Amino acid sequence: MKITAIKTFIVDGGFRPWTFVKIETSEPGLIGWGDCTDWGSPGPVAATVERYAEWVIGRDPMQVESIWWDLATASARHTGG
């Protein structure tokens, strides 16, 4: 089983916008949902999710820790030195 797509959906939550994330897999009918917000600017949140999708698509969704560490490393800020 592999992750085949990551899609974002911006939804007006009334008091704040939400960004929902849909993760599709190669297993028919098996999907995952998540949500995220920064309390006001859903566009950059969705863009960030979509930007990092390249590190996730094609991977086994059961390898959560490995994917998490790869995303943490990819998004770490380096100050040089």
C-alpha atoms as a PDB file:
ATOM      1  CA  MET A   1       0.000   0.000   0.000  1.00  0.00           C
ATOM      2  CA  LYS A   2       1.250   3.478  -0.915  1.00  0.00           C
ATOM      3  CA  ILE A   3       0.077   7.055  -0.467  1.00  0.00           C
ATOM      4  CA  THR A   4      -1.141   8.218  -3.873  1.00  0.00           C
ATOM      5  CA  ALA A   5      -2.432  11.757  -3.271  1.00  0.00           C
ATOM      6  CA  ILE A   6      -2.678  14.501  -0.680  1.00  0.00           C
ATOM      7  CA  LYS A   7      -5.423  17.094  -1.114  1.00  0.00           C
ATOM      8  CA  THR A   8      -6.307  20.161   0.941  1.00  0.00           C
ATOM      9  CA  PHE A   9      -9.750  21.687   1.481  1.00  0.00           C
ATOM     10  CA  ILE A  10     -10.224  25.118   3.062  1.00  0.00           C
ATOM     11  CA  VAL A  11     -13.516  25.351   4.963  1.00  0.00           C
ATOM     12  CA  ASP A  12     -15.089  28.361   6.688  1.00  0.00           C
ATOM     13  CA  GLY A  13     -15.516  27.297  10.286  1.00  0.00           C
ATOM     14  CA  GLY A  14     -17.427  30.409  11.324  1.00  0.00           C
ATOM     15  CA  PHE A  15     -15.022  31.725  13.934  1.00  0.00           C
ATOM     16  CA  ARG A  16     -11.913  30.581  12.009  1.00  0.00           C
ATOM     17  CA  PRO A  17     -11.047  28.845   8.749  1.00  0.00           C
ATOM     18  CA  TRP A  18      -9.927  25.231   8.773  1.00  0.00           C
ATOM     19  CA  THR A  19      -7.712  23.354   6.372  1.00  0.00           C
ATOM     20  CA  PHE A  20      -8.715  19.713   6.031  1.00  0.00           C
ATOM     21  CA  VAL A  21      -6.234  17.256   4.551  1.00  0.00           C
ATOM     22  CA  LYS A  22      -7.291  14.130   2.670  1.00  0.00           C
ATOM     23  CA  ILE A  23      -4.719  11.380   2.149  1.00  0.00           C
ATOM     24  CA  GLU A  24      -5.549   8.799  -0.503  1.00  0.00           C
ATOM     25  CA  THR A  25      -3.902   5.393  -0.793  1.00  0.00           C
ATOM     26  CA  SER A  26      -3.474   2.688  -3.401  1.00  0.00           C
ATOM     27  CA  GLU A  27      -5.837   0.504  -1.353  1.00  0.00           C
ATOM     28  CA  PRO A  28      -9.346   1.007  -2.823  1.00  0.00           C
ATOM     29  CA  GLY A  29     -11.552   2.974  -0.434  1.00  0.00           C
ATOM     30  CA  LEU A  30      -8.845   3.535   2.182  1.00  0.00           C
ATOM     31  CA  ILE A  31      -8.315   7.228   2.894  1.00  0.00           C
ATOM     32  CA  GLY A  32      -7.241   9.319   5.847  1.00  0.00           C
ATOM     33  CA  TRP A  33      -8.369  12.746   7.038  1.00  0.00           C
ATOM     34  CA  GLY A  34      -6.634  15.342   9.151  1.00  0.00           C
ATOM     35  CA  ASP A  35      -7.044  19.003   9.934  1.00  0.00           C
ATOM     36  CA  CYS A  36      -4.841  21.976  10.647  1.00  0.00           C
ATOM     37  CA  THR A  37      -5.186  25.702  11.179  1.00  0.00           C
ATOM     38  CA  ASP A  38      -3.119  28.739  12.034  1.00  0.00           C
ATOM     39  CA  TRP A  39      -6.148  30.655  13.310  1.00  0.00           C
ATOM     40  CA  GLY A  40      -6.567  32.975  10.343  1.00  0.00           C
ATOM     41  CA  SER A  41      -4.634  32.347   7.120  1.00  0.00           C
ATOM     42  CA  PRO A  42      -5.619  29.019   5.571  1.00  0.00           C
ATOM     43  CA  GLY A  43      -3.895  29.649   2.225  1.00  0.00           C
ATOM     44  CA  PRO A  44      -0.323  29.368   3.544  1.00  0.00           C
ATOM     45  CA  VAL A  45      -1.277  26.326   5.629  1.00  0.00           C
ATOM     46  CA  ALA A  46      -2.670  24.541   2.561  1.00  0.00           C
ATOM     47  CA  ALA A  47       0.363  25.566   0.487  1.00  0.00           C
ATOM     48  CA  THR A  48       2.712  24.138   3.111  1.00  0.00           C
ATOM     49  CA  VAL A  49       0.843  20.822   3.189  1.00  0.00           C
ATOM     50  CA  GLU A  50       0.918  20.655  -0.609  1.00  0.00           C
ATOM     51  CA  ARG A  51       4.627  21.577  -0.719  1.00  0.00           C
ATOM     52  CA  TYR A  52       5.618  18.755   1.622  1.00  0.00           C
ATOM     53  CA  ALA A  53       3.374  16.215  -0.123  1.00  0.00           C
ATOM     54  CA  GLU A  54       6.315  15.265  -2.355  1.00  0.00           C
ATOM     55  CA  TRP A  55       8.044  13.721   0.681  1.00  0.00           C
ATOM     56  CA  VAL A  56       4.970  11.604   1.435  1.00  0.00           C
ATOM     57  CA  ILE A  57       3.425  10.501  -1.875  1.00  0.00           C
ATOM     58  CA  GLY A  58       4.608   7.029  -2.858  1.00  0.00           C
ATOM     59  CA  ARG A  59       5.380   5.994   0.715  1.00  0.00           C
ATOM     60  CA  ASP A  60       3.796   3.366   2.923  1.00  0.00           C
ATOM     61  CA  PRO A  61       1.278   5.162   5.188  1.00  0.00           C
ATOM     62  CA  MET A  62       2.020   2.698   7.979  1.00  0.00           C
ATOM     63  CA  GLN A  63       5.557   4.099   8.293  1.00  0.00           C
ATOM     64  CA  VAL A  64       4.318   7.056  10.348  1.00  0.00           C
ATOM     65  CA  GLU A  65       7.479   7.633  12.394  1.00  0.00           C
ATOM     66  CA  SER A  66       9.780   7.501   9.377  1.00  0.00           C
ATOM     67  CA  ILE A  67       7.575   9.935   7.450  1.00  0.00           C
ATOM     68  CA  TRP A  68       7.353  12.243  10.475  1.00  0.00           C
ATOM     69  CA  TRP A  69      11.144  12.381  10.857  1.00  0.00           C
ATOM     70  CA  ASP A  70      11.656  13.029   7.146  1.00  0.00           C
ATOM     71  CA  LEU A  71       9.158  15.898   7.245  1.00  0.00           C
ATOM     72  CA  ALA A  72      10.715  17.306  10.415  1.00  0.00           C
ATOM     73  CA  THR A  73      14.155  17.226   8.794  1.00  0.00           C
ATOM     74  CA  ALA A  74      12.895  18.746   5.543  1.00  0.00           C
ATOM     75  CA  SER A  75      11.192  21.619   7.351  1.00  0.00           C
ATOM     76  CA  ALA A  76      13.945  22.385   9.889  1.00  0.00           C
ATOM     77  CA  ARG A  77      15.472  25.813   9.643  1.00  0.00           C
ATOM     78  CA  HIS A  78      19.223  25.903   9.360  1.00  0.00           C
ATOM     79  CA  THR A  79      21.161  28.964  10.433  1.00  0.00           C
ATOM     80  CA  GLY A  80      24.448  27.844   8.915  1.00  0.00           C
ATOM     81  CA  GLY A  81      27.724  27.332  10.713  1.00  0.00           C
END
